[in-house]
């Protein structure tokens, strides 16, 4: 699946994350996030899967997002420094 640049930016903004925070959470550079949001490059499949996973949580927990960042809560409950594609796969098994 191809994500549009504006969708990636909207997702980041809905999460309440800065460019630096999204880069930290995704395990990549801030410059790469900027490139995605400007449409200069596309995320690889692992990154797309992470973004789609985050988007599902936003839709599911949209009323709570202003109070509790879902990704942060998930990372804390799993005692992780960041979520990776492999961590997300554990949910579907």
PDB file of N, CA and C in Angstrom:
ATOM      1  N   UNK A   1       0.846  -1.189   0.000  1.00  0.00           N
ATOM      2  CA  UNK A   1       0.000   0.000   0.000  1.00  0.00           C
ATOM      3  C   UNK A   1       0.882   1.240   0.000  1.00  0.00           C
ATOM      4  N   UNK A   2       0.494   2.222  -0.781  1.00  0.00           N
ATOM      5  CA  UNK A   2       1.226   3.480  -0.841  1.00  0.00           C
ATOM      6  C   UNK A   2       0.491   4.513   0.008  1.00  0.00           C
ATOM      7  N   UNK A   3       1.210   5.139   0.911  1.00  0.00           N
ATOM      8  CA  UNK A   3       0.637   6.213   1.720  1.00  0.00           C
ATOM      9  C   UNK A   3       0.976   7.542   1.072  1.00  0.00           C
ATOM     10  N   UNK A   4       0.015   8.424   1.012  1.00  0.00           N
ATOM     11  CA  UNK A   4       0.256   9.762   0.475  1.00  0.00           C
ATOM     12  C   UNK A   4       0.997  10.598   1.503  1.00  0.00           C
ATOM     13  N   UNK A   5       1.781  11.537   1.004  1.00  0.00           N
ATOM     14  CA  UNK A   5       2.575  12.405   1.873  1.00  0.00           C
ATOM     15  C   UNK A   5       1.693  13.099   2.908  1.00  0.00           C
ATOM     16  N   UNK A   6       0.543  13.611   2.469  1.00  0.00           N
ATOM     17  CA  UNK A   6      -0.326  14.329   3.407  1.00  0.00           C
ATOM     18  C   UNK A   6      -0.913  13.400   4.468  1.00  0.00           C
ATOM     19  N   UNK A   7      -1.106  12.115   4.125  1.00  0.00           N
ATOM     20  CA  UNK A   7      -1.610  11.152   5.102  1.00  0.00           C
ATOM     21  C   UNK A   7      -0.589  10.894   6.205  1.00  0.00           C
ATOM     22  N   UNK A   8       0.676  10.838   5.828  1.00  0.00           N
ATOM     23  CA  UNK A   8       1.727  10.616   6.817  1.00  0.00           C
ATOM     24  C   UNK A   8       1.819  11.815   7.757  1.00  0.00           C
ATOM     25  N   UNK A   9       1.757  13.005   7.186  1.00  0.00           N
ATOM     26  CA  UNK A   9       1.815  14.209   8.022  1.00  0.00           C
ATOM     27  C   UNK A   9       0.597  14.291   8.946  1.00  0.00           C
ATOM     28  N   UNK A  10      -0.572  14.000   8.398  1.00  0.00           N
ATOM     29  CA  UNK A  10      -1.794  14.029   9.202  1.00  0.00           C
ATOM     30  C   UNK A  10      -1.718  13.028  10.341  1.00  0.00           C
ATOM     31  N   UNK A  11      -1.208  11.836  10.061  1.00  0.00           N
ATOM     32  CA  UNK A  11      -1.051  10.820  11.097  1.00  0.00           C
ATOM     33  C   UNK A  11      -0.133  11.324  12.203  1.00  0.00           C
ATOM     34  N   UNK A  12       0.992  11.889  11.818  1.00  0.00           N
ATOM     35  CA  UNK A  12       1.944  12.411  12.816  1.00  0.00           C
ATOM     36  C   UNK A  12       1.285  13.492  13.663  1.00  0.00           C
ATOM     37  N   UNK A  13       0.563  14.374  13.035  1.00  0.00           N
ATOM     38  CA  UNK A  13      -0.088  15.460  13.754  1.00  0.00           C
ATOM     39  C   UNK A  13      -1.186  14.932  14.678  1.00  0.00           C
ATOM     40  N   UNK A  14      -1.930  13.940  14.231  1.00  0.00           N
ATOM     41  CA  UNK A  14      -2.980  13.359  15.076  1.00  0.00           C
ATOM     42  C   UNK A  14      -2.386  12.659  16.296  1.00  0.00           C
ATOM     43  N   UNK A  15      -1.189  12.116  16.127  1.00  0.00           N
ATOM     44  CA  UNK A  15      -0.500  11.503  17.258  1.00  0.00           C
ATOM     45  C   UNK A  15       0.061  12.556  18.211  1.00  0.00           C
ATOM     46  N   UNK A  16       0.169  13.794  17.721  1.00  0.00           N
ATOM     47  CA  UNK A  16       0.744  14.858  18.537  1.00  0.00           C
ATOM     48  C   UNK A  16       2.254  14.797  18.592  1.00  0.00           C
ATOM     49  N   UNK A  17       2.862  14.185  17.582  1.00  0.00           N
ATOM     50  CA  UNK A  17       4.306  14.009  17.546  1.00  0.00           C
ATOM     51  C   UNK A  17       4.977  15.070  16.686  1.00  0.00           C
ATOM     52  N   UNK A  18       6.119  15.527  17.131  1.00  0.00           N
ATOM     53  CA  UNK A  18       6.977  16.383  16.303  1.00  0.00           C
ATOM     54  C   UNK A  18       7.661  15.494  15.266  1.00  0.00           C
ATOM     55  N   UNK A  19       8.335  16.119  14.320  1.00  0.00           N
ATOM     56  CA  UNK A  19       9.112  15.344  13.349  1.00  0.00           C
ATOM     57  C   UNK A  19      10.153  14.479  14.052  1.00  0.00           C
ATOM     58  N   UNK A  20      10.834  15.074  15.032  1.00  0.00           N
ATOM     59  CA  UNK A  20      11.869  14.348  15.763  1.00  0.00           C
ATOM     60  C   UNK A  20      11.285  13.174  16.538  1.00  0.00           C
ATOM     61  N   UNK A  21      10.124  13.376  17.149  1.00  0.00           N
ATOM     62  CA  UNK A  21       9.500  12.299  17.915  1.00  0.00           C
ATOM     63  C   UNK A  21       9.058  11.162  17.003  1.00  0.00           C
ATOM     64  N   UNK A  22       8.485  11.495  15.859  1.00  0.00           N
ATOM     65  CA  UNK A  22       8.073  10.436  14.936  1.00  0.00           C
ATOM     66  C   UNK A  22       9.294   9.668  14.449  1.00  0.00           C
ATOM     67  N   UNK A  23      10.361  10.368  14.152  1.00  0.00           N
ATOM     68  CA  UNK A  23      11.590   9.697  13.711  1.00  0.00           C
ATOM     69  C   UNK A  23      12.092   8.757  14.804  1.00  0.00           C
ATOM     70  N   UNK A  24      12.069   9.218  16.031  1.00  0.00           N
ATOM     71  CA  UNK A  24      12.516   8.377  17.144  1.00  0.00           C
ATOM     72  C   UNK A  24      11.641   7.139  17.264  1.00  0.00           C
ATOM     73  N   UNK A  25      10.344   7.325  17.205  1.00  0.00           N
ATOM     74  CA  UNK A  25       9.413   6.209  17.341  1.00  0.00           C
ATOM     75  C   UNK A  25       9.520   5.218  16.179  1.00  0.00           C
ATOM     76  N   UNK A  26       9.801   5.728  14.990  1.00  0.00           N
ATOM     77  CA  UNK A  26       9.896   4.878  13.806  1.00  0.00           C
ATOM     78  C   UNK A  26      11.289   4.286  13.633  1.00  0.00           C
ATOM     79  N   UNK A  27      12.251   4.790  14.390  1.00  0.00           N
ATOM     80  CA  UNK A  27      13.616   4.273  14.288  1.00  0.00           C
ATOM     81  C   UNK A  27      14.332   4.723  13.031  1.00  0.00           C
ATOM     82  N   UNK A  28      14.069   5.970  12.633  1.00  0.00           N
ATOM     83  CA  UNK A  28      14.710   6.502  11.431  1.00  0.00           C
ATOM     84  C   UNK A  28      15.107   7.959  11.673  1.00  0.00           C
ATOM     85  N   UNK A  29      15.595   8.619  10.650  1.00  0.00           N
ATOM     86  CA  UNK A  29      16.032  10.009  10.795  1.00  0.00           C
ATOM     87  C   UNK A  29      14.872  10.984  10.579  1.00  0.00           C
ATOM     88  N   UNK A  30      15.027  12.156  11.151  1.00  0.00           N
ATOM     89  CA  UNK A  30      14.050  13.223  10.941  1.00  0.00           C
ATOM     90  C   UNK A  30      13.977  13.585   9.459  1.00  0.00           C
ATOM     91  N   UNK A  31      15.109  13.586   8.798  1.00  0.00           N
ATOM     92  CA  UNK A  31      15.153  13.915   7.370  1.00  0.00           C
ATOM     93  C   UNK A  31      14.296  12.949   6.549  1.00  0.00           C
ATOM     94  N   UNK A  32      14.295  11.671   6.943  1.00  0.00           N
ATOM     95  CA  UNK A  32      13.481  10.693   6.217  1.00  0.00           C
ATOM     96  C   UNK A  32      11.997  10.980   6.400  1.00  0.00           C
ATOM     97  N   UNK A  33      11.588  11.336   7.617  1.00  0.00           N
ATOM     98  CA  UNK A  33      10.180  11.697   7.861  1.00  0.00           C
ATOM     99  C   UNK A  33       9.804  12.915   7.006  1.00  0.00           C
ATOM    100  N   UNK A  34      10.679  13.902   6.951  1.00  0.00           N
ATOM    101  CA  UNK A  34      10.436  15.089   6.134  1.00  0.00           C
ATOM    102  C   UNK A  34      10.268  14.697   4.674  1.00  0.00           C
ATOM    103  N   UNK A  35      11.137  13.820   4.179  1.00  0.00           N
ATOM    104  CA  UNK A  35      11.032  13.359   2.784  1.00  0.00           C
ATOM    105  C   UNK A  35       9.705  12.666   2.530  1.00  0.00           C
ATOM    106  N   UNK A  36       9.257  11.842   3.475  1.00  0.00           N
ATOM    107  CA  UNK A  36       7.955  11.175   3.320  1.00  0.00           C
ATOM    108  C   UNK A  36       6.836  12.191   3.259  1.00  0.00           C
ATOM    109  N   UNK A  37       6.880  13.163   4.165  1.00  0.00           N
ATOM    110  CA  UNK A  37       5.797  14.151   4.249  1.00  0.00           C
ATOM    111  C   UNK A  37       5.787  15.105   3.061  1.00  0.00           C
ATOM    112  N   UNK A  38       6.923  15.279   2.417  1.00  0.00           N
ATOM    113  CA  UNK A  38       6.990  16.136   1.233  1.00  0.00           C
ATOM    114  C   UNK A  38       6.824  15.349  -0.064  1.00  0.00           C
ATOM    115  N   UNK A  39       6.675  14.041   0.066  1.00  0.00           N
ATOM    116  CA  UNK A  39       6.497  13.201  -1.114  1.00  0.00           C
ATOM    117  C   UNK A  39       7.771  12.968  -1.901  1.00  0.00           C
ATOM    118  N   UNK A  40       8.919  13.230  -1.287  1.00  0.00           N
ATOM    119  CA  UNK A  40      10.198  13.041  -1.971  1.00  0.00           C
ATOM    120  C   UNK A  40      10.639  11.587  -1.980  1.00  0.00           C
ATOM    121  N   UNK A  41      10.115  10.802  -1.034  1.00  0.00           N
ATOM    122  CA  UNK A  41      10.382   9.361  -0.990  1.00  0.00           C
ATOM    123  C   UNK A  41       9.203   8.673  -0.333  1.00  0.00           C
ATOM    124  N   UNK A  42       9.145   7.368  -0.502  1.00  0.00           N
ATOM    125  CA  UNK A  42       8.082   6.552   0.088  1.00  0.00           C
ATOM    126  C   UNK A  42       8.667   5.676   1.188  1.00  0.00           C
ATOM    127  N   UNK A  43       7.923   5.458   2.267  1.00  0.00           N
ATOM    128  CA  UNK A  43       8.385   4.542   3.308  1.00  0.00           C
ATOM    129  C   UNK A  43       8.493   3.127   2.749  1.00  0.00           C
ATOM    130  N   UNK A  44       9.450   2.356   3.283  1.00  0.00           N
ATOM    131  CA  UNK A  44       9.535   0.950   2.887  1.00  0.00           C
ATOM    132  C   UNK A  44       8.364   0.195   3.515  1.00  0.00           C
ATOM    133  N   UNK A  45       8.241  -1.079   3.163  1.00  0.00           N
ATOM    134  CA  UNK A  45       7.068  -1.849   3.607  1.00  0.00           C
ATOM    135  C   UNK A  45       6.979  -1.965   5.126  1.00  0.00           C
ATOM    136  N   UNK A  46       8.118  -2.124   5.803  1.00  0.00           N
ATOM    137  CA  UNK A  46       8.089  -2.193   7.271  1.00  0.00           C
ATOM    138  C   UNK A  46       7.555  -0.897   7.867  1.00  0.00           C
ATOM    139  N   UNK A  47       8.004   0.225   7.344  1.00  0.00           N
ATOM    140  CA  UNK A  47       7.539   1.521   7.839  1.00  0.00           C
ATOM    141  C   UNK A  47       6.062   1.722   7.523  1.00  0.00           C
ATOM    142  N   UNK A  48       5.638   1.322   6.338  1.00  0.00           N
ATOM    143  CA  UNK A  48       4.212   1.417   5.977  1.00  0.00           C
ATOM    144  C   UNK A  48       3.379   0.615   6.973  1.00  0.00           C
ATOM    145  N   UNK A  49       3.840  -0.584   7.310  1.00  0.00           N
ATOM    146  CA  UNK A  49       3.106  -1.411   8.274  1.00  0.00           C
ATOM    147  C   UNK A  49       3.017  -0.726   9.636  1.00  0.00           C
ATOM    148  N   UNK A  50       4.100  -0.100  10.082  1.00  0.00           N
ATOM    149  CA  UNK A  50       4.074   0.631  11.347  1.00  0.00           C
ATOM    150  C   UNK A  50       3.085   1.788  11.280  1.00  0.00           C
ATOM    151  N   UNK A  51       3.118   2.531  10.186  1.00  0.00           N
ATOM    152  CA  UNK A  51       2.222   3.678  10.033  1.00  0.00           C
ATOM    153  C   UNK A  51       0.759   3.233   9.994  1.00  0.00           C
ATOM    154  N   UNK A  52       0.483   2.156   9.295  1.00  0.00           N
ATOM    155  CA  UNK A  52      -0.889   1.650   9.237  1.00  0.00           C
ATOM    156  C   UNK A  52      -1.353   1.168  10.605  1.00  0.00           C
ATOM    157  N   UNK A  53      -0.461   0.524  11.339  1.00  0.00           N
ATOM    158  CA  UNK A  53      -0.778   0.075  12.690  1.00  0.00           C
ATOM    159  C   UNK A  53      -1.132   1.271  13.579  1.00  0.00           C
ATOM    160  N   UNK A  54      -0.326   2.308  13.509  1.00  0.00           N
ATOM    161  CA  UNK A  54      -0.604   3.516  14.294  1.00  0.00           C
ATOM    162  C   UNK A  54      -1.932   4.145  13.891  1.00  0.00           C
ATOM    163  N   UNK A  55      -2.211   4.136  12.592  1.00  0.00           N
ATOM    164  CA  UNK A  55      -3.460   4.716  12.106  1.00  0.00           C
ATOM    165  C   UNK A  55      -4.677   3.952  12.625  1.00  0.00           C
ATOM    166  N   UNK A  56      -4.575   2.634  12.680  1.00  0.00           N
ATOM    167  CA  UNK A  56      -5.680   1.825  13.224  1.00  0.00           C
ATOM    168  C   UNK A  56      -5.921   2.199  14.683  1.00  0.00           C
ATOM    169  N   UNK A  57      -4.847   2.359  15.438  1.00  0.00           N
ATOM    170  CA  UNK A  57      -5.011   2.737  16.846  1.00  0.00           C
ATOM    171  C   UNK A  57      -5.617   4.128  16.987  1.00  0.00           C
ATOM    172  N   UNK A  58      -5.267   5.021  16.112  1.00  0.00           N
ATOM    173  CA  UNK A  58      -5.857   6.366  16.166  1.00  0.00           C
ATOM    174  C   UNK A  58      -7.356   6.284  15.947  1.00  0.00           C
ATOM    175  N   UNK A  59      -7.745   5.513  14.951  1.00  0.00           N
ATOM    176  CA  UNK A  59      -9.173   5.380  14.669  1.00  0.00           C
ATOM    177  C   UNK A  59      -9.898   4.682  15.814  1.00  0.00           C
ATOM    178  N   UNK A  60      -9.270   3.694  16.403  1.00  0.00           N
ATOM    179  CA  UNK A  60      -9.892   2.929  17.479  1.00  0.00           C
ATOM    180  C   UNK A  60     -10.006   3.739  18.764  1.00  0.00           C
ATOM    181  N   UNK A  61      -8.965   4.496  19.056  1.00  0.00           N
ATOM    182  CA  UNK A  61      -8.895   5.209  20.335  1.00  0.00           C
ATOM    183  C   UNK A  61      -8.911   6.725  20.167  1.00  0.00           C
ATOM    184  N   UNK A  62      -9.531   7.223  19.122  1.00  0.00           N
ATOM    185  CA  UNK A  62      -9.458   8.650  18.808  1.00  0.00           C
ATOM    186  C   UNK A  62      -9.934   9.553  19.946  1.00  0.00           C
ATOM    187  N   UNK A  63     -10.907   9.118  20.715  1.00  0.00           N
ATOM    188  CA  UNK A  63     -11.390   9.961  21.810  1.00  0.00           C
ATOM    189  C   UNK A  63     -10.374  10.061  22.940  1.00  0.00           C
ATOM    190  N   UNK A  64      -9.546   9.049  23.097  1.00  0.00           N
ATOM    191  CA  UNK A  64      -8.574   9.020  24.183  1.00  0.00           C
ATOM    192  C   UNK A  64      -7.233   9.640  23.792  1.00  0.00           C
ATOM    193  N   UNK A  65      -6.982   9.845  22.502  1.00  0.00           N
ATOM    194  CA  UNK A  65      -5.663  10.294  22.061  1.00  0.00           C
ATOM    195  C   UNK A  65      -5.245  11.632  22.636  1.00  0.00           C
ATOM    196  N   UNK A  66      -6.189  12.509  22.832  1.00  0.00           N
ATOM    197  CA  UNK A  66      -5.802  13.801  23.388  1.00  0.00           C
ATOM    198  C   UNK A  66      -5.339  13.662  24.836  1.00  0.00           C
ATOM    199  N   UNK A  67      -5.730  12.565  25.476  1.00  0.00           N
ATOM    200  CA  UNK A  67      -5.369  12.340  26.858  1.00  0.00           C
ATOM    201  C   UNK A  67      -4.176  11.393  27.020  1.00  0.00           C
ATOM    202  N   UNK A  68      -4.158  10.307  26.233  1.00  0.00           N
ATOM    203  CA  UNK A  68      -3.124   9.278  26.386  1.00  0.00           C
ATOM    204  C   UNK A  68      -2.575   8.901  25.012  1.00  0.00           C
ATOM    205  N   UNK A  69      -1.312   9.221  24.712  1.00  0.00           N
ATOM    206  CA  UNK A  69      -0.727   8.795  23.432  1.00  0.00           C
ATOM    207  C   UNK A  69      -0.658   7.265  23.379  1.00  0.00           C
ATOM    208  N   UNK A  70      -1.394   6.671  22.457  1.00  0.00           N
ATOM    209  CA  UNK A  70      -1.526   5.226  22.397  1.00  0.00           C
ATOM    210  C   UNK A  70      -0.186   4.537  22.178  1.00  0.00           C
ATOM    211  N   UNK A  71       0.623   5.025  21.259  1.00  0.00           N
ATOM    212  CA  UNK A  71       1.902   4.379  20.987  1.00  0.00           C
ATOM    213  C   UNK A  71       2.796   4.408  22.222  1.00  0.00           C
ATOM    214  N   UNK A  72       2.816   5.527  22.918  1.00  0.00           N
ATOM    215  CA  UNK A  72       3.630   5.627  24.129  1.00  0.00           C
ATOM    216  C   UNK A  72       3.144   4.620  25.173  1.00  0.00           C
ATOM    217  N   UNK A  73       1.831   4.516  25.334  1.00  0.00           N
ATOM    218  CA  UNK A  73       1.270   3.579  26.302  1.00  0.00           C
ATOM    219  C   UNK A  73       1.626   2.146  25.921  1.00  0.00           C
ATOM    220  N   UNK A  74       1.535   1.832  24.649  1.00  0.00           N
ATOM    221  CA  UNK A  74       1.869   0.500  24.161  1.00  0.00           C
ATOM    222  C   UNK A  74       3.343   0.189  24.404  1.00  0.00           C
ATOM    223  N   UNK A  75       4.209   1.146  24.132  1.00  0.00           N
ATOM    224  CA  UNK A  75       5.642   0.964  24.354  1.00  0.00           C
ATOM    225  C   UNK A  75       5.927   0.742  25.832  1.00  0.00           C
ATOM    226  N   UNK A  76       5.267   1.511  26.671  1.00  0.00           N
ATOM    227  CA  UNK A  76       5.469   1.381  28.115  1.00  0.00           C
ATOM    228  C   UNK A  76       5.001   0.016  28.616  1.00  0.00           C
ATOM    229  N   UNK A  77       3.843  -0.427  28.146  1.00  0.00           N
ATOM    230  CA  UNK A  77       3.322  -1.709  28.604  1.00  0.00           C
ATOM    231  C   UNK A  77       4.203  -2.870  28.164  1.00  0.00           C
ATOM    232  N   UNK A  78       4.866  -2.705  27.026  1.00  0.00           N
ATOM    233  CA  UNK A  78       5.763  -3.757  26.522  1.00  0.00           C
ATOM    234  C   UNK A  78       7.209  -3.532  26.946  1.00  0.00           C
ATOM    235  N   UNK A  79       7.447  -2.448  27.654  1.00  0.00           N
ATOM    236  CA  UNK A  79       8.787  -2.069  28.102  1.00  0.00           C
ATOM    237  C   UNK A  79       9.752  -1.976  26.923  1.00  0.00           C
ATOM    238  N   UNK A  80       9.344  -1.203  25.909  1.00  0.00           N
ATOM    239  CA  UNK A  80      10.148  -1.016  24.704  1.00  0.00           C
ATOM    240  C   UNK A  80      10.600   0.430  24.587  1.00  0.00           C
ATOM    241  N   UNK A  81      11.754   0.644  23.968  1.00  0.00           N
ATOM    242  CA  UNK A  81      12.237   1.991  23.686  1.00  0.00           C
ATOM    243  C   UNK A  81      11.578   2.565  22.447  1.00  0.00           C
ATOM    244  N   UNK A  82      11.202   1.667  21.522  1.00  0.00           N
ATOM    245  CA  UNK A  82      10.477   2.068  20.325  1.00  0.00           C
ATOM    246  C   UNK A  82       9.756   0.853  19.775  1.00  0.00           C
ATOM    247  N   UNK A  83       8.709   1.084  19.005  1.00  0.00           N
ATOM    248  CA  UNK A  83       7.990   0.002  18.361  1.00  0.00           C
ATOM    249  C   UNK A  83       8.640  -0.288  17.021  1.00  0.00           C
ATOM    250  N   UNK A  84       8.802  -1.549  16.713  1.00  0.00           N
ATOM    251  CA  UNK A  84       9.319  -1.941  15.408  1.00  0.00           C
ATOM    252  C   UNK A  84       8.284  -2.803  14.717  1.00  0.00           C
ATOM    253  N   UNK A  85       8.518  -3.074  13.462  1.00  0.00           N
ATOM    254  CA  UNK A  85       7.599  -3.908  12.689  1.00  0.00           C
ATOM    255  C   UNK A  85       7.434  -5.271  13.361  1.00  0.00           C
ATOM    256  N   UNK A  86       8.509  -5.847  13.846  1.00  0.00           N
ATOM    257  CA  UNK A  86       8.438  -7.161  14.493  1.00  0.00           C
ATOM    258  C   UNK A  86       7.567  -7.108  15.755  1.00  0.00           C
ATOM    259  N   UNK A  87       7.648  -6.010  16.494  1.00  0.00           N
ATOM    260  CA  UNK A  87       6.790  -5.861  17.668  1.00  0.00           C
ATOM    261  C   UNK A  87       5.324  -5.833  17.269  1.00  0.00           C
ATOM    262  N   UNK A  88       5.040  -5.171  16.162  1.00  0.00           N
ATOM    263  CA  UNK A  88       3.660  -5.046  15.707  1.00  0.00           C
ATOM    264  C   UNK A  88       3.119  -6.374  15.207  1.00  0.00           C
ATOM    265  N   UNK A  89       3.971  -7.207  14.636  1.00  0.00           N
ATOM    266  CA  UNK A  89       3.531  -8.502  14.156  1.00  0.00           C
ATOM    267  C   UNK A  89       3.046  -9.392  15.291  1.00  0.00           C
ATOM    268  N   UNK A  90       3.577  -9.197  16.478  1.00  0.00           N
ATOM    269  CA  UNK A  90       3.177 -10.005  17.626  1.00  0.00           C
ATOM    270  C   UNK A  90       1.681  -9.872  17.900  1.00  0.00           C
ATOM    271  N   UNK A  91       1.101  -8.740  17.521  1.00  0.00           N
ATOM    272  CA  UNK A  91      -0.336  -8.526  17.734  1.00  0.00           C
ATOM    273  C   UNK A  91      -1.179  -9.398  16.816  1.00  0.00           C
ATOM    274  N   UNK A  92      -0.664  -9.739  15.641  1.00  0.00           N
ATOM    275  CA  UNK A  92      -1.469 -10.469  14.664  1.00  0.00           C
ATOM    276  C   UNK A  92      -1.303 -11.970  14.772  1.00  0.00           C
ATOM    277  N   UNK A  93      -0.400 -12.423  15.626  1.00  0.00           N
ATOM    278  CA  UNK A  93      -0.160 -13.865  15.766  1.00  0.00           C
ATOM    279  C   UNK A  93      -1.170 -14.474  16.700  1.00  0.00           C
TER     280      UNK A  93
END
